[in-house]
Amino acid sequence: MNIVIKKMSSDAEIRGKAYVHWKAWQEAYPGIVAQSYLDRLTLKKCESIAYQWPDNILVAKDGENVVDFVGYGKYRNSELPNTGEVYAIYVLKRYYGQGVGALLMREALKQLSDYPQVAV
């Protein structure tokens, strides 16, 4: 395993992020989230989301493949001014327990270091 954490920048990385978004939901949420919702969350829908919001995304790549990602930025509600937020973190099942999520979280927190507090 040769994991590289980087800002998402290429078309291939955007598509890879979309795949991770879709696949992570399919792997993690059966029996927790209604199957009808999982069925509606298609790869095409996740690609649309990925292209709509490409900023503030870090991807973890194993070789050329995006295997995990984290989204971060300014807190989305006005109730906590001057606060950063980790919006989402997704990890493919085959990378559970390998520390990739922790690497992503540490890098996201570095990106949010200008904020006096961070919501996760």
N, C-alpha and C. Protein backbone atom coordinates (compact mmCIF):
# COMPACT_ATOMS: atom_id res chain seq x y z
N MET A 1 0.85 -1.18 0.00
CA MET A 1 0.00 0.00 0.00
C MET A 1 0.90 1.24 0.00
N ASN A 2 0.68 2.10 -0.98
CA ASN A 2 1.45 3.34 -1.11
C ASN A 2 0.46 4.50 -1.18
N ILE A 3 0.01 4.98 -0.01
CA ILE A 3 -1.04 6.00 0.06
C ILE A 3 -0.44 7.40 -0.05
N VAL A 4 -1.05 8.21 -0.91
CA VAL A 4 -0.70 9.62 -1.07
C VAL A 4 -1.96 10.43 -0.79
N ILE A 5 -1.83 11.44 0.07
CA ILE A 5 -2.94 12.35 0.36
C ILE A 5 -2.68 13.64 -0.40
N LYS A 6 -3.69 14.10 -1.16
CA LYS A 6 -3.51 15.32 -1.95
C LYS A 6 -4.85 15.99 -2.19
N LYS A 7 -4.78 17.27 -2.56
CA LYS A 7 -6.01 17.97 -2.95
C LYS A 7 -6.50 17.38 -4.26
N MET A 8 -7.79 17.18 -4.35
CA MET A 8 -8.38 16.65 -5.57
C MET A 8 -8.20 17.69 -6.67
N SER A 9 -7.67 17.27 -7.82
CA SER A 9 -7.39 18.26 -8.85
C SER A 9 -7.71 17.81 -10.27
N SER A 10 -7.71 16.56 -10.56
CA SER A 10 -7.90 16.11 -11.94
C SER A 10 -9.29 15.53 -12.15
N ASP A 11 -9.66 15.42 -13.40
CA ASP A 11 -10.93 14.80 -13.77
C ASP A 11 -11.00 13.36 -13.25
N ALA A 12 -9.90 12.63 -13.38
CA ALA A 12 -9.86 11.24 -12.90
C ALA A 12 -10.07 11.19 -11.39
N GLU A 13 -9.51 12.15 -10.66
CA GLU A 13 -9.68 12.19 -9.20
C GLU A 13 -11.12 12.55 -8.83
N ILE A 14 -11.75 13.43 -9.59
CA ILE A 14 -13.15 13.77 -9.33
C ILE A 14 -14.02 12.53 -9.53
N ARG A 15 -13.79 11.80 -10.62
CA ARG A 15 -14.55 10.57 -10.86
C ARG A 15 -14.24 9.51 -9.80
N GLY A 16 -12.97 9.45 -9.36
CA GLY A 16 -12.60 8.52 -8.30
C GLY A 16 -13.27 8.86 -6.99
N LYS A 17 -13.35 10.14 -6.68
CA LYS A 17 -14.05 10.58 -5.47
C LYS A 17 -15.51 10.18 -5.54
N ALA A 18 -16.13 10.36 -6.70
CA ALA A 18 -17.53 9.98 -6.88
C ALA A 18 -17.72 8.49 -6.64
N TYR A 19 -16.82 7.69 -7.17
CA TYR A 19 -16.91 6.24 -6.97
C TYR A 19 -16.82 5.90 -5.48
N VAL A 20 -15.87 6.50 -4.78
CA VAL A 20 -15.71 6.23 -3.34
C VAL A 20 -16.97 6.64 -2.59
N HIS A 21 -17.53 7.80 -2.93
CA HIS A 21 -18.76 8.28 -2.31
C HIS A 21 -19.86 7.23 -2.46
N TRP A 22 -20.07 6.80 -3.69
CA TRP A 22 -21.12 5.81 -3.98
C TRP A 22 -20.83 4.47 -3.31
N LYS A 23 -19.64 3.95 -3.50
CA LYS A 23 -19.29 2.61 -3.00
C LYS A 23 -19.29 2.56 -1.48
N ALA A 24 -18.80 3.61 -0.83
CA ALA A 24 -18.76 3.63 0.64
C ALA A 24 -20.17 3.55 1.22
N TRP A 25 -21.13 4.25 0.60
CA TRP A 25 -22.52 4.15 1.07
C TRP A 25 -23.04 2.73 0.88
N GLN A 26 -22.74 2.12 -0.26
CA GLN A 26 -23.22 0.76 -0.53
C GLN A 26 -22.61 -0.24 0.45
N GLU A 27 -21.39 -0.01 0.88
CA GLU A 27 -20.70 -0.93 1.79
C GLU A 27 -21.07 -0.71 3.25
N ALA A 28 -21.25 0.53 3.65
CA ALA A 28 -21.38 0.84 5.08
C ALA A 28 -22.82 0.90 5.59
N TYR A 29 -23.79 1.20 4.75
CA TYR A 29 -25.11 1.54 5.26
C TYR A 29 -26.25 0.56 5.02
N PRO A 30 -26.05 -0.58 4.34
CA PRO A 30 -27.18 -1.52 4.24
C PRO A 30 -27.64 -1.94 5.65
N GLY A 31 -28.95 -1.93 5.84
CA GLY A 31 -29.51 -2.29 7.14
C GLY A 31 -29.56 -1.12 8.11
N ILE A 32 -28.90 -0.01 7.76
CA ILE A 32 -28.90 1.19 8.60
C ILE A 32 -29.74 2.27 7.92
N VAL A 33 -29.51 2.41 6.62
CA VAL A 33 -30.25 3.38 5.80
C VAL A 33 -31.20 2.57 4.91
N ALA A 34 -32.37 3.12 4.67
CA ALA A 34 -33.35 2.42 3.83
C ALA A 34 -32.73 2.02 2.49
N GLN A 35 -32.97 0.78 2.09
CA GLN A 35 -32.43 0.28 0.83
C GLN A 35 -32.91 1.12 -0.34
N SER A 36 -34.14 1.64 -0.26
CA SER A 36 -34.66 2.47 -1.34
C SER A 36 -33.79 3.73 -1.53
N TYR A 37 -33.28 4.28 -0.44
CA TYR A 37 -32.38 5.44 -0.54
C TYR A 37 -31.06 5.02 -1.20
N LEU A 38 -30.50 3.90 -0.74
CA LEU A 38 -29.24 3.41 -1.31
C LEU A 38 -29.39 3.13 -2.80
N ASP A 39 -30.55 2.61 -3.19
CA ASP A 39 -30.79 2.33 -4.61
C ASP A 39 -30.85 3.61 -5.44
N ARG A 40 -31.35 4.70 -4.83
CA ARG A 40 -31.43 5.98 -5.54
C ARG A 40 -30.09 6.72 -5.58
N LEU A 41 -29.19 6.38 -4.67
CA LEU A 41 -27.87 7.01 -4.65
C LEU A 41 -26.98 6.27 -5.66
N THR A 42 -27.06 6.69 -6.87
CA THR A 42 -26.34 6.03 -7.96
C THR A 42 -24.95 6.64 -8.15
N LEU A 43 -24.11 5.92 -8.85
CA LEU A 43 -22.79 6.44 -9.19
C LEU A 43 -22.94 7.72 -10.01
N LYS A 44 -23.90 7.76 -10.91
CA LYS A 44 -24.12 8.96 -11.73
C LYS A 44 -24.47 10.15 -10.85
N LYS A 45 -25.31 9.95 -9.83
CA LYS A 45 -25.68 11.03 -8.91
C LYS A 45 -24.45 11.51 -8.14
N CYS A 46 -23.62 10.56 -7.70
CA CYS A 46 -22.40 10.93 -6.96
C CYS A 46 -21.42 11.67 -7.85
N GLU A 47 -21.36 11.32 -9.14
CA GLU A 47 -20.52 12.07 -10.08
C GLU A 47 -21.02 13.50 -10.23
N SER A 48 -22.32 13.67 -10.31
CA SER A 48 -22.89 15.01 -10.42
C SER A 48 -22.51 15.84 -9.19
N ILE A 49 -22.61 15.26 -8.01
CA ILE A 49 -22.23 15.94 -6.77
C ILE A 49 -20.75 16.31 -6.80
N ALA A 50 -19.91 15.36 -7.21
CA ALA A 50 -18.46 15.59 -7.22
C ALA A 50 -18.07 16.73 -8.15
N TYR A 51 -18.71 16.81 -9.30
CA TYR A 51 -18.40 17.90 -10.23
C TYR A 51 -18.99 19.23 -9.78
N GLN A 52 -20.09 19.17 -9.02
CA GLN A 52 -20.73 20.39 -8.53
C GLN A 52 -19.92 21.05 -7.42
N TRP A 53 -19.28 20.25 -6.56
CA TRP A 53 -18.52 20.77 -5.42
C TRP A 53 -17.11 20.16 -5.39
N PRO A 54 -16.23 20.62 -6.28
CA PRO A 54 -14.89 20.03 -6.34
C PRO A 54 -13.88 20.64 -5.37
N ASP A 55 -14.24 21.72 -4.69
CA ASP A 55 -13.29 22.42 -3.83
C ASP A 55 -13.23 21.79 -2.43
N ASN A 56 -12.11 22.01 -1.78
CA ASN A 56 -11.91 21.57 -0.40
C ASN A 56 -12.12 20.07 -0.22
N ILE A 57 -11.59 19.32 -1.15
CA ILE A 57 -11.63 17.86 -1.07
C ILE A 57 -10.20 17.35 -1.11
N LEU A 58 -9.87 16.52 -0.14
CA LEU A 58 -8.60 15.79 -0.16
C LEU A 58 -8.91 14.35 -0.51
N VAL A 59 -8.10 13.78 -1.38
CA VAL A 59 -8.27 12.38 -1.72
C VAL A 59 -7.06 11.59 -1.24
N ALA A 60 -7.32 10.35 -0.91
CA ALA A 60 -6.25 9.40 -0.62
C ALA A 60 -6.16 8.48 -1.83
N LYS A 61 -4.95 8.40 -2.38
CA LYS A 61 -4.75 7.56 -3.56
C LYS A 61 -3.80 6.42 -3.21
N ASP A 62 -4.17 5.24 -3.65
CA ASP A 62 -3.32 4.06 -3.57
C ASP A 62 -2.91 3.80 -5.01
N GLY A 63 -1.69 4.19 -5.35
CA GLY A 63 -1.29 4.18 -6.76
C GLY A 63 -2.08 5.24 -7.49
N GLU A 64 -2.77 4.85 -8.56
CA GLU A 64 -3.57 5.80 -9.34
C GLU A 64 -5.02 5.85 -8.90
N ASN A 65 -5.42 5.00 -7.96
CA ASN A 65 -6.82 4.90 -7.57
C ASN A 65 -7.16 5.73 -6.34
N VAL A 66 -8.23 6.52 -6.43
CA VAL A 66 -8.77 7.21 -5.26
C VAL A 66 -9.46 6.16 -4.41
N VAL A 67 -9.06 6.08 -3.12
CA VAL A 67 -9.63 5.04 -2.25
C VAL A 67 -10.40 5.62 -1.07
N ASP A 68 -10.19 6.88 -0.75
CA ASP A 68 -10.88 7.54 0.35
C ASP A 68 -10.86 9.04 0.06
N PHE A 69 -11.74 9.80 0.75
CA PHE A 69 -11.68 11.25 0.62
C PHE A 69 -12.28 11.91 1.86
N VAL A 70 -11.95 13.18 2.02
CA VAL A 70 -12.51 14.01 3.08
C VAL A 70 -12.85 15.38 2.49
N GLY A 71 -13.99 15.94 2.92
CA GLY A 71 -14.39 17.28 2.53
C GLY A 71 -14.38 18.19 3.75
N TYR A 72 -13.94 19.43 3.59
CA TYR A 72 -13.77 20.35 4.71
C TYR A 72 -13.98 21.78 4.25
N GLY A 73 -14.14 22.69 5.21
CA GLY A 73 -14.26 24.10 4.87
C GLY A 73 -14.84 24.89 6.02
N LYS A 74 -15.36 26.08 5.72
CA LYS A 74 -15.98 26.94 6.73
C LYS A 74 -17.26 26.27 7.20
N TYR A 75 -17.53 26.37 8.50
CA TYR A 75 -18.75 25.80 9.07
C TYR A 75 -19.96 26.33 8.31
N ARG A 76 -20.91 25.45 8.00
CA ARG A 76 -22.00 25.81 7.09
C ARG A 76 -23.13 26.61 7.72
N ASN A 77 -23.19 26.72 9.03
CA ASN A 77 -24.25 27.49 9.68
C ASN A 77 -23.65 28.71 10.36
N SER A 78 -24.45 29.75 10.49
CA SER A 78 -23.95 30.99 11.08
C SER A 78 -23.86 30.92 12.60
N GLU A 79 -24.35 29.84 13.20
CA GLU A 79 -24.36 29.75 14.68
C GLU A 79 -22.96 29.63 15.28
N LEU A 80 -22.00 29.20 14.51
CA LEU A 80 -20.62 29.10 15.00
C LEU A 80 -19.69 29.86 14.05
N PRO A 81 -19.60 31.18 14.21
CA PRO A 81 -18.70 31.95 13.34
C PRO A 81 -17.24 31.58 13.61
N ASN A 82 -16.41 31.79 12.64
CA ASN A 82 -14.97 31.49 12.77
C ASN A 82 -14.70 30.04 13.12
N THR A 83 -15.50 29.16 12.54
CA THR A 83 -15.35 27.73 12.80
C THR A 83 -15.17 27.01 11.47
N GLY A 84 -14.25 26.06 11.46
CA GLY A 84 -14.08 25.18 10.32
C GLY A 84 -14.88 23.91 10.56
N GLU A 85 -15.06 23.12 9.50
CA GLU A 85 -15.85 21.89 9.63
C GLU A 85 -15.30 20.81 8.71
N VAL A 86 -15.29 19.59 9.21
CA VAL A 86 -15.07 18.43 8.36
C VAL A 86 -16.47 17.98 7.95
N TYR A 87 -16.79 18.14 6.67
CA TYR A 87 -18.14 17.84 6.19
C TYR A 87 -18.39 16.35 6.03
N ALA A 88 -17.41 15.66 5.55
CA ALA A 88 -17.60 14.24 5.23
C ALA A 88 -16.25 13.55 5.14
N ILE A 89 -16.25 12.29 5.50
CA ILE A 89 -15.08 11.45 5.27
C ILE A 89 -15.60 10.07 4.86
N TYR A 90 -15.08 9.57 3.77
CA TYR A 90 -15.52 8.28 3.23
C TYR A 90 -14.31 7.39 3.01
N VAL A 91 -14.44 6.16 3.44
CA VAL A 91 -13.35 5.18 3.34
C VAL A 91 -13.92 3.90 2.73
N LEU A 92 -13.27 3.39 1.72
CA LEU A 92 -13.68 2.10 1.16
C LEU A 92 -13.42 0.98 2.16
N LYS A 93 -14.29 0.01 2.18
CA LYS A 93 -14.24 -1.07 3.16
C LYS A 93 -12.89 -1.77 3.19
N ARG A 94 -12.29 -2.00 2.03
CA ARG A 94 -11.01 -2.73 2.02
C ARG A 94 -9.88 -1.94 2.68
N TYR A 95 -10.12 -0.64 2.98
CA TYR A 95 -9.11 0.18 3.66
C TYR A 95 -9.45 0.44 5.13
N TYR A 96 -10.52 -0.16 5.62
CA TYR A 96 -10.85 -0.03 7.05
C TYR A 96 -9.67 -0.54 7.87
N GLY A 97 -9.39 0.15 8.95
CA GLY A 97 -8.37 -0.32 9.90
C GLY A 97 -6.93 -0.15 9.45
N GLN A 98 -6.72 0.53 8.33
CA GLN A 98 -5.36 0.68 7.82
C GLN A 98 -4.78 2.08 8.05
N GLY A 99 -5.54 2.94 8.73
CA GLY A 99 -5.04 4.25 9.08
C GLY A 99 -5.20 5.32 8.02
N VAL A 100 -5.81 4.98 6.90
CA VAL A 100 -5.95 5.97 5.82
C VAL A 100 -6.91 7.08 6.24
N GLY A 101 -8.00 6.73 6.90
CA GLY A 101 -8.94 7.73 7.38
C GLY A 101 -8.28 8.70 8.34
N ALA A 102 -7.41 8.18 9.21
CA ALA A 102 -6.69 9.04 10.16
C ALA A 102 -5.76 9.99 9.43
N LEU A 103 -5.08 9.51 8.39
CA LEU A 103 -4.21 10.38 7.59
C LEU A 103 -5.02 11.50 6.95
N LEU A 104 -6.17 11.16 6.39
CA LEU A 104 -7.03 12.16 5.77
C LEU A 104 -7.50 13.19 6.79
N MET A 105 -7.93 12.71 7.96
CA MET A 105 -8.44 13.61 8.99
C MET A 105 -7.34 14.57 9.45
N ARG A 106 -6.14 14.06 9.67
CA ARG A 106 -5.03 14.93 10.09
C ARG A 106 -4.76 16.01 9.04
N GLU A 107 -4.77 15.63 7.78
CA GLU A 107 -4.50 16.62 6.73
C GLU A 107 -5.64 17.63 6.62
N ALA A 108 -6.88 17.18 6.77
CA ALA A 108 -8.01 18.11 6.74
C ALA A 108 -7.91 19.10 7.90
N LEU A 109 -7.53 18.62 9.07
CA LEU A 109 -7.38 19.52 10.22
C LEU A 109 -6.26 20.53 9.99
N LYS A 110 -5.19 20.12 9.31
CA LYS A 110 -4.13 21.08 8.95
C LYS A 110 -4.69 22.16 8.03
N GLN A 111 -5.53 21.75 7.06
CA GLN A 111 -6.12 22.71 6.13
C GLN A 111 -7.05 23.68 6.85
N LEU A 112 -7.59 23.27 7.98
CA LEU A 112 -8.52 24.09 8.76
C LEU A 112 -7.84 24.83 9.92
N SER A 113 -6.51 24.83 9.94
CA SER A 113 -5.77 25.35 11.09
C SER A 113 -5.95 26.87 11.30
N ASP A 114 -6.42 27.59 10.31
CA ASP A 114 -6.66 29.03 10.48
C ASP A 114 -7.91 29.32 11.31
N TYR A 115 -8.74 28.32 11.48
CA TYR A 115 -9.96 28.48 12.29
C TYR A 115 -9.64 28.21 13.75
N PRO A 116 -10.16 29.04 14.68
CA PRO A 116 -9.89 28.80 16.10
C PRO A 116 -10.56 27.54 16.65
N GLN A 117 -11.60 27.07 15.96
CA GLN A 117 -12.24 25.81 16.36
C GLN A 117 -12.74 25.09 15.12
N VAL A 118 -12.91 23.77 15.26
CA VAL A 118 -13.33 22.93 14.15
C VAL A 118 -14.43 21.99 14.64
N ALA A 119 -15.49 21.91 13.85
CA ALA A 119 -16.59 20.97 14.12
C ALA A 119 -16.38 19.74 13.24
N VAL A 120 -16.56 18.58 13.82
CA VAL A 120 -16.44 17.33 13.05
C VAL A 120 -17.67 16.48 13.23
